[in-house]
Amino acid sequence: MLIRSLLHRAIHAGTILLRNHQKCSTVWRETRHCSALVYREHSDNIDTVRMEQLLLPPVGDRSVRVHMLAAPVNPADMNMIQGSYPILCPLPAVGGNEGVGEVIEVGSDVTSLRLGDWAVPIDAGFGTWRTGAVCEEDEIISVPKDVSLLGAATIFVNPCTAYRMLHDFQTLTPGCTVIQNASNSAVGQAVIQIAAALGLKTINIIRDRPNRAELIDELQSLGADYVVTEEEVMSTGLHRVFETFFLGGTMVTYGGMSKRPLQIPAVISHLDVLSRHSCMLCLLCLTSLSADKAQLKAMLNAVCDLMRGGQLSAPHCIQTPFHQYTHALQATVQSHCRKHVLIM
C-alpha cells in the first residue's frame, strides 16, 4: 500500500520513481520532468516549435529548481527561432528569454534564494517556455512578490531597457524632451511611463493603423505628451522641425526587429554635435550588469518601485494558457498584435 501511495502521488506531482535492486535493500531514486517548447532547427515556420517532455537534472549544492509561472512571447524570441537574432542557442533549444518562476527547491549551498521566492533569468537563452527548470543560483535573480505576476514576468527585457536608455546615455533633467518611434511597443510604453515619472516630455511616433485614435488615447493615458504618426510627421514637415532637436542631442538606437540596417538621414549624420549610440540594449547593457548582481538588483528595485507607485504598469497583455502556445506564437509574428504571455 505504501508503494502504491507513493506512485499515485508521484504521477500527480510529475515525477518518476526508478527502483534500483540491491542485495539488502530497495532504493527509490526520484527523477522529474517538465513540459517545454522546443525547437530543433531554425525556421520561419512556427510548427518547428513543439511541446516535449524533458527530464530535469537533480538539484546540486549551488543550484535551484523553479516552477515557471508566466513567460512572455517577445519578437526577439521569434527571431531566435528563425535564426536571425545576434545571439542563438545551441540546438535543440527551449524557447523564451524572459519570464518569472517560483523557487521550489534549493541546494544546500544556495544563499541568495529561498523557497517561495519569485525569480527571473539574468541572461538571454534561458529557455523560459517550460513548466520547470533546474539552474545554477547565479543564473537567476529574485524579484519582489508584491508586484503583479505579469509585471514580474515582463520586467527584465522591456522596462529595464527603457530604464537604461533614460539613465545611461545622457543626463536628463525635468523638462528635457525625448522623441521616440515604435512608441506603442513594450519598450516604448515603458519609456513613456518612466519619462513621465522623471518629469520628461515625450514626443511619440507611431505607424498609422485603423485603430489609431484608440492607440493614441492609450498612450496618452500612460503619460505621453504628444503622439503623431510617421505619415503625419512627413506630410506636415514636422521632420524638419525635429531635426533641430538633434542639435546637442543624443540618439540611441536599440533592437532591430525589422532585421534591416538602420538608415540615418544625411542631415542628421552630418551633425557633429549629435552623439549617437547603437546597441542591443536588452543584451549588452543588461548582460554587462549581470556580472554585478548588486547593480542589477538596484535597477530591478528601482523599476519595481515605479510599479508599486503606480507610475509603471505592465504592458497590455493577452494571457494564453501554456498548451495554447501556437496562438501566442502566431500572433507575435504578425503586425499590430498585443504581447502574449504564456501562463503555465
Protein backbone atom coordinates (compact mmCIF):
# COMPACT_ATOMS: atom_id res chain seq x y z
CA MET A 1 0.00 0.00 0.00
CA LEU A 2 2.86 2.38 0.76
CA ILE A 3 4.45 1.83 -2.65
CA ARG A 4 1.07 2.26 -4.39
CA SER A 5 0.51 5.52 -2.48
CA LEU A 6 3.97 6.82 -3.44
CA LEU A 7 3.40 6.02 -7.10
CA HIS A 8 -0.01 7.72 -7.07
CA ARG A 9 1.44 10.89 -5.54
CA ALA A 10 4.42 10.84 -7.93
CA ILE A 11 2.22 10.69 -11.00
CA HIS A 12 0.25 13.75 -9.89
CA ALA A 13 3.48 15.59 -8.99
CA GLY A 14 5.06 14.98 -12.38
CA THR A 15 7.77 12.67 -11.07
CA ILE A 16 9.06 9.22 -11.90
CA LEU A 17 10.37 6.80 -9.32
CA LEU A 18 13.07 4.40 -10.51
CA ARG A 19 13.67 1.27 -8.48
CA ASN A 20 17.26 0.09 -8.08
CA HIS A 21 17.66 -3.51 -6.97
CA GLN A 22 20.41 -4.05 -4.42
CA LYS A 23 21.38 -7.03 -2.28
CA CYS A 24 19.98 -5.89 1.04
CA SER A 25 17.55 -3.08 0.32
CA THR A 26 15.45 -1.29 -2.28
CA VAL A 27 16.34 2.37 -3.03
CA TRP A 28 13.97 4.70 -4.84
CA ARG A 29 15.57 7.42 -6.95
CA GLU A 30 13.27 10.29 -7.91
CA THR A 31 13.51 11.94 -11.31
CA ARG A 32 11.48 14.92 -12.51
CA HIS A 33 10.42 16.20 -15.88
CA CYS A 34 8.81 19.29 -17.36
CA SER A 35 6.84 20.28 -20.42
CA ALA A 36 8.87 22.58 -22.70
CA LEU A 37 8.51 24.29 -26.08
CA VAL A 38 11.49 23.00 -28.04
CA TYR A 39 12.80 23.88 -31.49
CA ARG A 40 15.35 21.62 -33.16
CA GLU A 41 16.08 23.75 -36.21
CA HIS A 42 15.88 27.40 -37.24
CA SER A 43 12.85 28.15 -39.35
CA ASP A 44 10.20 30.76 -40.06
CA ASN A 45 7.61 28.02 -39.63
CA ILE A 46 6.27 28.11 -36.08
CA ASP A 47 5.40 24.43 -36.36
CA THR A 48 9.11 23.95 -35.72
CA VAL A 49 8.30 24.64 -32.06
CA ARG A 50 6.78 21.62 -30.34
CA MET A 51 5.88 20.73 -26.79
CA GLU A 52 8.12 17.99 -25.44
CA GLN A 53 8.71 16.32 -22.11
CA LEU A 54 12.24 16.95 -20.78
CA LEU A 55 13.96 15.31 -17.84
CA LEU A 56 15.25 17.73 -15.23
CA PRO A 57 18.67 17.17 -13.68
CA PRO A 58 18.92 16.72 -9.92
CA VAL A 59 19.37 19.84 -7.82
CA GLY A 60 23.03 20.32 -6.87
CA ASP A 61 24.54 22.16 -3.93
CA ARG A 62 24.61 25.51 -5.78
CA SER A 63 21.52 25.05 -7.95
CA VAL A 64 17.78 25.55 -7.58
CA ARG A 65 14.59 24.18 -9.11
CA VAL A 66 11.94 26.62 -10.23
CA HIS A 67 8.37 26.19 -11.34
CA MET A 68 7.76 28.65 -14.17
CA LEU A 69 4.67 30.76 -13.64
CA ALA A 70 4.49 33.01 -16.70
CA ALA A 71 6.66 33.80 -19.73
CA PRO A 72 6.03 36.36 -22.48
CA VAL A 73 6.49 35.75 -26.18
CA ASN A 74 8.65 38.60 -27.50
CA PRO A 75 9.59 39.36 -31.12
CA ALA A 76 13.23 38.65 -30.21
CA ASP A 77 12.21 35.14 -29.14
CA MET A 78 10.76 34.52 -32.59
CA ASN A 79 13.89 35.92 -34.24
CA MET A 80 15.99 33.42 -32.30
CA ILE A 81 13.78 30.59 -33.55
CA GLN A 82 14.13 31.95 -37.08
CA GLY A 83 17.91 32.11 -36.68
CA SER A 84 18.10 35.85 -37.40
CA TYR A 85 19.00 37.11 -33.92
CA PRO A 86 22.57 38.10 -32.92
CA ILE A 87 22.51 35.55 -30.10
CA LEU A 88 21.50 31.99 -30.92
CA CYS A 89 21.25 29.00 -28.61
CA PRO A 90 22.74 25.61 -29.43
CA LEU A 91 20.11 23.31 -30.93
CA PRO A 92 17.88 21.79 -29.76
CA ALA A 93 16.78 24.71 -27.61
CA VAL A 94 13.89 25.72 -25.40
CA GLY A 95 12.29 28.99 -26.50
CA GLY A 96 11.81 32.10 -24.40
CA ASN A 97 14.23 34.57 -22.82
CA GLU A 98 12.04 36.18 -20.20
CA GLY A 99 9.65 35.05 -17.50
CA VAL A 100 9.15 34.53 -13.80
CA GLY A 101 9.24 31.35 -11.80
CA GLU A 102 8.83 30.29 -8.18
CA VAL A 103 11.73 28.65 -6.36
CA ILE A 104 10.52 25.25 -5.12
CA GLU A 105 13.82 23.55 -4.24
CA VAL A 106 17.24 24.90 -3.26
CA GLY A 107 20.66 23.33 -2.95
CA SER A 108 22.45 23.17 0.37
CA ASP A 109 24.93 25.95 -0.50
CA VAL A 110 22.46 28.41 -2.05
CA THR A 111 22.42 31.75 -0.19
CA SER A 112 20.66 34.31 -2.41
CA LEU A 113 17.38 32.45 -2.99
CA ARG A 114 14.83 30.89 -0.69
CA LEU A 115 11.86 28.58 -1.12
CA GLY A 116 8.87 30.53 -2.42
CA ASP A 117 10.91 33.37 -3.96
CA TRP A 118 9.95 34.69 -7.36
CA ALA A 119 12.94 34.81 -9.70
CA VAL A 120 13.72 35.88 -13.27
CA PRO A 121 16.58 34.74 -15.54
CA ILE A 122 19.51 37.09 -15.97
CA ASP A 123 20.88 36.18 -19.39
CA ALA A 124 19.33 35.55 -22.79
CA GLY A 125 18.77 31.98 -23.87
CA PHE A 126 17.50 30.66 -20.54
CA GLY A 127 14.54 28.92 -22.15
CA THR A 128 11.55 30.16 -20.16
CA TRP A 129 8.84 28.43 -22.19
CA ARG A 130 8.70 25.44 -19.88
CA THR A 131 6.89 24.39 -16.74
CA GLY A 132 10.05 23.86 -14.70
CA ALA A 133 13.82 24.24 -14.75
CA VAL A 134 16.90 23.43 -12.73
CA CYS A 135 19.62 26.08 -12.93
CA GLU A 136 22.60 27.47 -11.08
CA GLU A 137 21.94 30.05 -8.40
CA ASP A 138 23.74 32.80 -10.32
CA GLU A 139 21.59 32.31 -13.45
CA ILE A 140 18.52 33.89 -11.86
CA ILE A 141 17.75 36.76 -9.51
CA SER A 142 14.84 37.26 -7.15
CA VAL A 143 12.15 39.88 -7.69
CA PRO A 144 9.62 41.18 -5.16
CA LYS A 145 6.33 39.30 -4.92
CA ASP A 146 4.34 42.47 -4.25
CA VAL A 147 4.30 43.37 -7.96
CA SER A 148 1.82 41.73 -10.31
CA LEU A 149 2.58 38.39 -11.94
CA LEU A 150 2.52 39.99 -15.41
CA GLY A 151 4.72 42.81 -14.16
CA ALA A 152 7.30 40.35 -12.84
CA ALA A 153 7.15 38.18 -15.97
CA THR A 154 7.80 41.13 -18.29
CA ILE A 155 10.11 43.24 -16.12
CA PHE A 156 13.54 42.30 -17.33
CA VAL A 157 13.68 42.96 -21.07
CA ASN A 158 11.50 45.95 -21.93
CA PRO A 159 11.13 48.07 -18.75
CA CYS A 160 14.81 47.61 -17.91
CA THR A 161 15.80 48.51 -21.48
CA ALA A 162 13.74 51.71 -21.22
CA TYR A 163 15.23 52.45 -17.80
CA ARG A 164 18.80 52.05 -19.08
CA MET A 165 18.16 54.25 -22.13
CA LEU A 166 16.88 57.09 -19.99
CA HIS A 167 19.74 56.86 -17.49
CA ASP A 168 22.91 55.75 -19.26
CA PHE A 169 23.45 57.90 -22.35
CA GLN A 170 22.52 61.44 -21.40
CA THR A 171 21.92 63.33 -18.18
CA LEU A 172 18.21 64.10 -18.43
CA THR A 173 16.60 66.59 -16.10
CA PRO A 174 12.93 67.51 -15.65
CA GLY A 175 11.72 69.41 -18.71
CA CYS A 176 14.00 67.63 -21.19
CA THR A 177 12.36 66.11 -24.27
CA VAL A 178 12.58 62.56 -25.56
CA ILE A 179 11.49 61.71 -29.10
CA GLN A 180 10.93 58.05 -29.89
CA ASN A 181 9.47 55.92 -32.63
CA ALA A 182 7.85 52.49 -32.15
CA SER A 183 6.18 54.20 -29.21
CA ASN A 184 3.44 51.61 -28.90
CA SER A 185 5.93 48.77 -28.40
CA ALA A 186 6.51 47.36 -24.92
CA VAL A 187 9.75 49.35 -24.66
CA GLY A 188 8.04 52.46 -25.98
CA GLN A 189 5.25 52.23 -23.43
CA ALA A 190 7.83 51.83 -20.65
CA VAL A 191 9.77 54.85 -21.95
CA ILE A 192 6.60 56.96 -21.80
CA GLN A 193 5.86 55.99 -18.21
CA ILE A 194 9.40 56.20 -16.83
CA ALA A 195 9.95 59.51 -18.62
CA ALA A 196 6.78 60.91 -17.07
CA ALA A 197 7.97 59.78 -13.62
CA LEU A 198 11.26 61.63 -14.26
CA GLY A 199 9.46 64.81 -15.36
CA LEU A 200 10.50 64.42 -19.01
CA LYS A 201 8.40 65.34 -22.03
CA THR A 202 7.84 62.73 -24.75
CA ILE A 203 7.03 63.05 -28.43
CA ASN A 204 5.90 59.65 -29.61
CA ILE A 205 5.80 58.49 -33.22
CA ILE A 206 3.70 55.51 -34.29
CA ARG A 207 2.76 53.87 -37.56
CA ASP A 208 -0.67 54.62 -38.94
CA ARG A 209 -3.30 51.93 -38.42
CA PRO A 210 -7.10 51.55 -38.39
CA ASN A 211 -7.33 51.92 -34.59
CA ARG A 212 -5.04 54.95 -34.47
CA ALA A 213 -7.34 57.07 -32.29
CA GLU A 214 -7.71 54.26 -29.75
CA LEU A 215 -3.93 53.76 -29.63
CA ILE A 216 -3.27 57.49 -29.19
CA ASP A 217 -5.70 57.60 -26.27
CA GLU A 218 -4.00 54.58 -24.74
CA LEU A 219 -0.50 56.10 -24.97
CA GLN A 220 -1.69 59.44 -23.63
CA SER A 221 -3.27 57.64 -20.68
CA LEU A 222 0.22 56.30 -19.92
CA GLY A 223 1.63 59.82 -19.85
CA ALA A 224 2.56 60.57 -23.48
CA ASP A 225 2.65 64.32 -24.15
CA TYR A 226 2.35 64.10 -27.94
CA VAL A 227 1.56 61.20 -30.26
CA VAL A 228 1.88 61.53 -34.04
CA THR A 229 2.05 59.05 -36.90
CA GLU A 230 5.01 58.65 -39.23
CA GLU A 231 2.79 59.78 -42.08
CA GLU A 232 1.85 62.98 -40.23
CA VAL A 233 5.50 63.72 -39.50
CA MET A 234 6.46 63.52 -43.17
CA SER A 235 3.38 65.14 -44.70
CA THR A 236 3.34 68.19 -42.42
CA GLY A 237 7.04 68.89 -42.46
CA LEU A 238 7.44 68.06 -38.78
CA HIS A 239 10.55 66.04 -39.63
CA ARG A 240 12.32 69.33 -40.39
CA VAL A 241 11.31 70.69 -37.00
CA PHE A 242 12.54 67.51 -35.30
CA GLU A 243 15.94 67.89 -36.95
CA THR A 244 16.59 70.92 -34.77
CA PHE A 245 16.17 68.74 -31.68
CA PHE A 246 19.27 66.81 -32.66
CA LEU A 247 21.48 69.84 -32.09
CA GLY A 248 23.35 68.86 -28.95
CA GLY A 249 21.13 65.82 -28.55
CA THR A 250 21.80 62.12 -28.23
CA MET A 251 20.34 59.46 -30.50
CA VAL A 252 20.10 55.95 -29.09
CA THR A 253 19.06 53.00 -31.22
CA TYR A 254 18.04 49.65 -29.83
CA GLY A 255 16.64 46.40 -31.07
CA GLY A 256 16.26 45.88 -34.79
CA MET A 257 13.17 43.75 -35.30
CA SER A 258 12.97 44.78 -38.97
CA LYS A 259 16.23 42.86 -39.48
CA ARG A 260 17.38 45.63 -41.83
CA PRO A 261 20.29 48.07 -41.40
CA LEU A 262 19.42 51.32 -39.65
CA GLN A 263 19.25 54.27 -42.06
CA ILE A 264 20.20 57.65 -40.59
CA PRO A 265 19.26 60.73 -42.69
CA ALA A 266 22.26 62.57 -44.08
CA VAL A 267 21.28 65.84 -42.41
CA ILE A 268 21.48 64.08 -39.05
CA SER A 269 24.63 62.08 -39.72
CA HIS A 270 26.48 65.31 -40.61
CA LEU A 271 25.70 67.00 -37.31
CA ASP A 272 28.93 66.79 -35.35
CA VAL A 273 27.16 67.84 -32.18
CA LEU A 274 24.93 64.76 -32.29
CA SER A 275 26.05 61.91 -30.11
CA ARG A 276 24.97 58.54 -31.46
CA HIS A 277 24.78 55.27 -29.59
CA SER A 278 23.76 51.98 -31.12
CA CYS A 279 23.50 48.78 -29.18
CA MET A 280 21.37 45.77 -28.47
CA LEU A 281 20.38 47.27 -25.14
CA CYS A 282 18.49 44.37 -23.67
CA LEU A 283 21.53 42.18 -24.33
CA LEU A 284 24.58 44.41 -23.90
CA CYS A 285 23.63 46.76 -21.10
CA LEU A 286 21.68 44.23 -19.09
CA THR A 287 24.13 41.39 -19.63
CA SER A 288 27.04 43.60 -18.58
CA LEU A 289 25.13 44.32 -15.37
CA SER A 290 24.68 40.61 -14.71
CA ALA A 291 28.31 40.41 -13.66
CA ASP A 292 27.45 42.73 -10.77
CA LYS A 293 24.30 41.44 -9.09
CA ALA A 294 24.25 44.42 -6.74
CA GLN A 295 23.80 46.85 -9.67
CA LEU A 296 21.30 44.54 -11.31
CA LYS A 297 19.32 44.27 -8.09
CA ALA A 298 19.36 48.06 -7.68
CA MET A 299 17.90 48.51 -11.16
CA LEU A 300 15.20 45.90 -10.59
CA ASN A 301 14.30 47.53 -7.27
CA ALA A 302 14.05 50.94 -8.95
CA VAL A 303 11.75 49.55 -11.64
CA CYS A 304 9.66 47.70 -9.05
CA ASP A 305 9.35 50.94 -7.03
CA LEU A 306 7.82 52.58 -10.10
CA MET A 307 5.38 49.68 -10.39
CA ARG A 308 4.41 49.88 -6.73
CA GLY A 309 3.89 53.62 -7.03
CA GLY A 310 1.55 53.22 -9.99
CA GLN A 311 4.00 55.02 -12.29
CA LEU A 312 4.79 51.95 -14.39
CA SER A 313 2.32 49.26 -15.40
CA ALA A 314 2.84 46.01 -17.24
CA PRO A 315 2.09 46.21 -20.96
CA HIS A 316 -1.41 45.24 -22.02
CA CYS A 317 -1.03 41.50 -22.50
CA ILE A 318 -3.13 38.59 -23.65
CA GLN A 319 -2.73 35.75 -21.17
CA THR A 320 -2.51 32.46 -23.03
CA PRO A 321 -2.68 29.01 -21.42
CA PHE A 322 0.59 27.18 -21.97
CA HIS A 323 -0.96 24.41 -24.06
CA GLN A 324 -2.33 27.03 -26.48
CA TYR A 325 1.15 28.29 -27.28
CA THR A 326 0.69 28.17 -31.07
CA HIS A 327 -1.81 31.04 -30.88
CA ALA A 328 0.70 33.20 -28.99
CA LEU A 329 3.50 32.44 -31.45
CA GLN A 330 1.33 33.15 -34.49
CA ALA A 331 0.16 36.47 -33.06
CA THR A 332 3.70 37.63 -32.24
CA VAL A 333 4.92 37.37 -35.83
CA GLN A 334 2.03 39.49 -37.10
CA SER A 335 1.76 43.27 -37.12
CA HIS A 336 -0.21 45.34 -34.61
CA CYS A 337 -0.81 42.45 -32.20
CA ARG A 338 -0.63 42.74 -28.42
CA LYS A 339 2.01 40.96 -26.40
CA HIS A 340 1.08 37.43 -25.41
CA VAL A 341 2.15 35.88 -22.12
CA LEU A 342 2.15 32.13 -21.61
CA ILE A 343 0.62 31.11 -18.28
CA MET A 344 1.97 27.80 -17.01
